[in-house]
Amino acid sequence: MTSSTSPASMSPARTASSRPGVAPGRRRPARYTGLLALAASLALGACTAAPAPGPAPSAAVTTPEPSAPTPTATSGVAPGNEPLTHDGRTVVPAPGADCAKPAPADIRRVLGAVAASVQPADVQASTKDGVEELVCTFALAPVGAGQAADLGNALIVSRTTVPDQAGLDSLKLPRLMMTPEPVPGVGAKAWYSVNRLTGATEYVLEMVDGLSVVRVTLALPADAAEPEALKGKLAEVAGLS
């Protein structure tokens, strides 16, 4: 028996099966495909234009130069030498026994109320060109630990010793006196003066004892009253030194 199916009736079937896996009416629009391609192109361009960030440059590190050593008070002094004073004198060790006379008890007895609170002596010794000097500073008021005496309220007893008469002449006595006056009967020679300074008044007696010169200075605040018979008292202190 002969089939009567016409070619026209077969064409729709062939058209539907010409793209396997795609149902009729479910085709992807060409516009959507183009958008995907454009997005992919832009993403690829961004990756190409922006290189991957490298490590951030580290800050330059500067190594500090070693600091110079702090100079000390004795820098420049040869080993074995003692430090020098401002006028070139060499400081030498001086035990407290060097200022044992006059004793604080004797100072209080001779000077009276002005020395009621006298403190033990601060001792300093130095030498230069054969001239030796010992300075005993007795504060007239208590002094805190590690603090120096107030030189405007102190008794200062110094002894300068020279090697010969030429050295004694070179001292050019009397020294540092505003109105020196001779004091007879005290040592080989003696002078007394009142030095009125801005903040203090110095009562000074200087006495020659052989090849030594003993200088006794009582320094009091400028507004303090002058003790009585002070010239004789200072001469007594010099005799005890």
Protein backbone atom coordinates (compact mmCIF):
# COMPACT_ATOMS: atom_id res chain seq x y z
CA MET A 1 0.00 0.00 0.00
CA THR A 2 1.40 3.33 -1.01
CA SER A 3 1.88 6.17 1.53
CA SER A 4 0.29 9.45 0.71
CA THR A 5 2.39 11.64 3.11
CA SER A 6 3.51 14.81 1.36
CA PRO A 7 6.88 16.49 1.73
CA ALA A 8 5.27 19.58 3.16
CA SER A 9 4.01 17.69 6.17
CA MET A 10 7.53 16.53 7.02
CA SER A 11 9.28 19.94 7.09
CA PRO A 12 8.14 21.14 10.55
CA ALA A 13 9.54 18.01 12.20
CA ARG A 14 12.90 18.45 10.55
CA THR A 15 13.05 22.10 11.65
CA ALA A 16 12.35 21.30 15.30
CA SER A 17 15.04 18.64 15.43
CA SER A 18 17.65 20.57 13.48
CA ARG A 19 19.14 21.99 16.87
CA PRO A 20 19.14 19.10 19.31
CA GLY A 21 18.63 19.91 23.00
CA VAL A 22 16.86 23.22 22.43
CA ALA A 23 13.14 23.14 22.80
CA PRO A 24 11.10 25.30 20.58
CA GLY A 25 10.56 28.75 22.00
CA ARG A 26 13.65 28.45 24.44
CA ARG A 27 16.44 29.88 22.23
CA ARG A 28 18.96 32.28 23.88
CA PRO A 29 18.50 35.74 22.50
CA ALA A 30 21.48 37.13 20.62
CA ARG A 31 21.37 40.30 22.78
CA TYR A 32 22.04 38.33 26.02
CA THR A 33 24.98 36.55 24.45
CA GLY A 34 26.48 39.86 23.36
CA LEU A 35 26.25 41.30 26.89
CA LEU A 36 28.13 38.33 28.31
CA ALA A 37 30.87 38.78 25.77
CA LEU A 38 31.16 42.50 26.57
CA ALA A 39 31.42 41.85 30.33
CA ALA A 40 34.12 39.25 29.79
CA SER A 41 36.05 41.67 27.60
CA LEU A 42 35.91 44.43 30.23
CA ALA A 43 37.04 42.10 33.02
CA LEU A 44 39.98 40.93 30.92
CA GLY A 45 40.95 44.53 30.17
CA ALA A 46 40.88 45.50 33.87
CA CYS A 47 43.13 42.60 34.79
CA THR A 48 45.56 43.57 32.05
CA ALA A 49 45.62 47.34 32.88
CA ALA A 50 46.11 47.08 36.68
CA PRO A 51 49.22 45.12 37.61
CA ALA A 52 49.20 43.23 40.84
CA PRO A 53 50.31 45.48 43.71
CA GLY A 54 53.86 44.78 44.81
CA PRO A 55 55.18 45.05 48.34
CA ALA A 56 55.08 48.58 49.75
CA PRO A 57 58.49 50.24 49.80
CA SER A 58 59.96 50.07 53.27
CA ALA A 59 61.00 53.29 54.98
CA ALA A 60 64.69 53.98 54.92
CA VAL A 61 66.30 53.02 58.22
CA THR A 62 69.05 55.34 59.39
CA THR A 63 71.50 53.92 61.85
CA PRO A 64 72.35 56.62 64.43
CA GLU A 65 75.98 57.47 64.75
CA PRO A 66 77.51 56.64 68.13
CA SER A 67 77.44 59.65 70.40
CA ALA A 68 80.67 61.17 71.59
CA PRO A 69 81.66 60.33 75.16
CA THR A 70 80.67 62.89 77.74
CA PRO A 71 83.74 64.72 78.98
CA THR A 72 84.46 64.37 82.65
CA ALA A 73 85.82 66.90 85.04
CA THR A 74 89.24 65.29 84.85
CA SER A 75 89.35 64.72 81.07
CA GLY A 76 92.71 65.64 79.62
CA VAL A 77 94.50 65.02 82.89
CA ALA A 78 97.34 62.52 82.62
CA PRO A 79 96.91 59.31 84.63
CA GLY A 80 98.09 59.74 88.17
CA ASN A 81 97.53 63.49 88.20
CA GLU A 82 94.85 65.12 90.30
CA PRO A 83 92.32 67.57 88.82
CA LEU A 84 93.15 71.26 88.67
CA THR A 85 91.31 74.22 90.16
CA HIS A 86 90.24 77.21 88.07
CA ASP A 87 93.56 78.96 88.75
CA GLY A 88 95.73 75.94 87.91
CA ARG A 89 96.23 74.63 91.44
CA THR A 90 96.44 70.87 91.89
CA VAL A 91 93.85 69.42 94.26
CA VAL A 92 95.38 67.02 96.78
CA PRO A 93 93.71 64.60 99.23
CA ALA A 94 92.94 66.20 102.58
CA PRO A 95 91.60 64.14 105.49
CA GLY A 96 89.28 65.76 108.00
CA ALA A 97 92.05 65.71 110.60
CA ASP A 98 93.75 68.53 108.67
CA CYS A 99 90.98 70.82 109.95
CA ALA A 100 90.80 69.43 113.47
CA LYS A 101 91.98 72.82 114.76
CA PRO A 102 90.20 74.97 115.56
CA ALA A 103 87.59 72.52 116.80
CA PRO A 104 83.89 73.48 116.54
CA ALA A 105 83.70 73.58 120.36
CA ASP A 106 86.53 76.14 120.47
CA ILE A 107 84.87 78.21 117.74
CA ARG A 108 81.62 78.36 119.72
CA ARG A 109 83.50 79.32 122.87
CA VAL A 110 85.44 82.15 121.21
CA LEU A 111 82.82 83.59 118.84
CA GLY A 112 79.77 83.08 121.06
CA ALA A 113 76.20 83.25 119.77
CA VAL A 114 77.16 83.89 116.15
CA ALA A 115 78.71 80.39 116.05
CA ALA A 116 76.09 78.59 118.12
CA SER A 117 75.18 76.28 115.19
CA VAL A 118 78.66 75.91 113.69
CA GLN A 119 79.10 72.72 111.63
CA PRO A 120 82.15 70.44 111.16
CA ALA A 121 84.64 71.72 108.61
CA ASP A 122 84.58 71.08 104.89
CA VAL A 123 88.23 70.43 103.96
CA GLN A 124 89.95 71.43 100.72
CA ALA A 125 93.66 71.30 99.95
CA SER A 126 95.68 72.23 96.88
CA THR A 127 99.21 73.03 95.76
CA LYS A 128 100.90 75.04 93.00
CA ASP A 129 104.58 75.81 92.38
CA GLY A 130 105.53 74.65 95.87
CA VAL A 131 102.83 76.75 97.58
CA GLU A 132 100.40 74.64 99.65
CA GLU A 133 96.98 75.80 100.73
CA LEU A 134 94.53 74.27 103.19
CA VAL A 135 91.02 75.72 103.49
CA CYS A 136 88.64 74.77 106.32
CA THR A 137 85.06 76.03 105.84
CA PHE A 138 82.78 75.90 108.89
CA ALA A 139 79.14 76.55 108.02
CA LEU A 140 77.36 78.61 110.68
CA ALA A 141 74.02 76.93 109.94
CA PRO A 142 73.05 73.30 109.23
CA VAL A 143 73.77 72.19 105.66
CA GLY A 144 71.84 69.51 103.80
CA ALA A 145 73.57 66.31 102.76
CA GLY A 146 75.61 66.85 99.61
CA GLN A 147 75.25 70.64 99.76
CA ALA A 148 78.03 73.18 100.13
CA ALA A 149 78.17 75.71 102.93
CA ASP A 150 76.82 79.20 102.32
CA LEU A 151 79.98 81.27 102.00
CA GLY A 152 78.00 84.31 103.10
CA ASN A 153 77.33 82.69 106.48
CA ALA A 154 80.47 80.79 107.41
CA LEU A 155 83.81 80.86 109.18
CA ILE A 156 86.67 80.19 106.76
CA VAL A 157 90.11 79.40 108.13
CA SER A 158 92.88 78.96 105.57
CA ARG A 159 96.61 78.29 105.86
CA THR A 160 98.99 79.07 103.00
CA THR A 161 102.49 77.59 103.32
CA VAL A 162 105.41 78.67 101.10
CA PRO A 163 108.88 77.11 100.69
CA ASP A 164 110.94 80.23 101.48
CA GLN A 165 110.92 83.95 102.18
CA ALA A 166 110.75 84.75 98.48
CA GLY A 167 107.53 82.76 98.31
CA LEU A 168 106.19 84.69 101.28
CA ASP A 169 107.03 88.01 99.63
CA SER A 170 105.30 86.88 96.43
CA LEU A 171 101.98 86.64 98.29
CA LYS A 172 101.94 90.46 98.56
CA LEU A 173 100.30 90.60 101.97
CA PRO A 174 97.79 91.64 103.07
CA ARG A 175 95.50 90.02 100.50
CA LEU A 176 91.98 91.03 99.48
CA MET A 177 91.33 93.59 102.20
CA MET A 178 89.34 96.79 101.62
CA THR A 179 90.69 98.73 104.61
CA PRO A 180 93.59 96.75 106.14
CA GLU A 181 94.96 97.90 109.46
CA PRO A 182 97.94 96.38 111.32
CA VAL A 183 97.22 94.29 114.42
CA PRO A 184 100.21 94.42 116.78
CA GLY A 185 101.15 91.49 118.99
CA VAL A 186 99.59 88.84 116.71
CA GLY A 187 102.10 86.55 114.97
CA ALA A 188 105.05 88.05 113.12
CA LYS A 189 102.67 90.39 111.29
CA ALA A 190 98.90 90.68 111.16
CA TRP A 191 96.20 92.80 109.51
CA TYR A 192 92.47 93.22 110.06
CA SER A 193 89.78 94.48 107.67
CA VAL A 194 86.04 94.71 107.24
CA ASN A 195 84.98 93.94 103.66
CA ARG A 196 81.43 95.11 103.01
CA LEU A 197 80.01 93.23 100.04
CA THR A 198 76.61 93.27 98.39
CA GLY A 199 75.05 90.33 100.24
CA ALA A 200 77.49 89.77 103.09
CA THR A 201 80.06 91.41 105.32
CA GLU A 202 83.46 89.78 105.78
CA TYR A 203 85.50 90.31 108.93
CA VAL A 204 89.05 89.26 108.03
CA LEU A 205 92.25 88.76 110.00
CA GLU A 206 95.46 87.64 108.25
CA MET A 207 98.47 86.57 110.29
CA VAL A 208 102.03 85.56 109.33
CA ASP A 209 103.27 82.49 111.21
CA GLY A 210 106.79 81.58 110.04
CA LEU A 211 106.48 80.50 106.39
CA SER A 212 102.71 80.17 106.69
CA VAL A 213 99.91 82.72 106.49
CA VAL A 214 96.75 82.03 108.47
CA ARG A 215 93.66 83.86 107.22
CA VAL A 216 90.45 83.85 109.27
CA THR A 217 87.29 85.14 107.60
CA LEU A 218 83.96 85.44 109.39
CA ALA A 219 81.28 86.03 106.75
CA LEU A 220 77.83 87.11 107.93
CA PRO A 221 74.71 88.29 106.07
CA ALA A 222 74.89 91.99 105.26
CA ASP A 223 72.02 92.84 107.61
CA ALA A 224 73.53 90.98 110.61
CA ALA A 225 74.88 93.05 113.51
CA GLU A 226 78.64 93.14 113.95
CA PRO A 227 79.76 91.01 116.92
CA GLU A 228 81.62 92.84 119.67
CA ALA A 229 85.41 92.76 120.01
CA LEU A 230 85.63 90.73 116.84
CA LYS A 231 89.21 91.65 115.97
CA GLY A 232 90.56 90.04 119.15
CA LYS A 233 88.29 87.02 118.72
CA LEU A 234 89.49 86.34 115.20
CA ALA A 235 93.09 86.69 116.38
CA GLU A 236 92.37 84.01 118.99
CA VAL A 237 90.87 81.71 116.37
CA ALA A 238 93.99 82.21 114.22
CA GLY A 239 96.17 81.24 117.17
CA LEU A 240 94.21 78.01 117.60
CA SER A 241 94.62 77.01 113.94
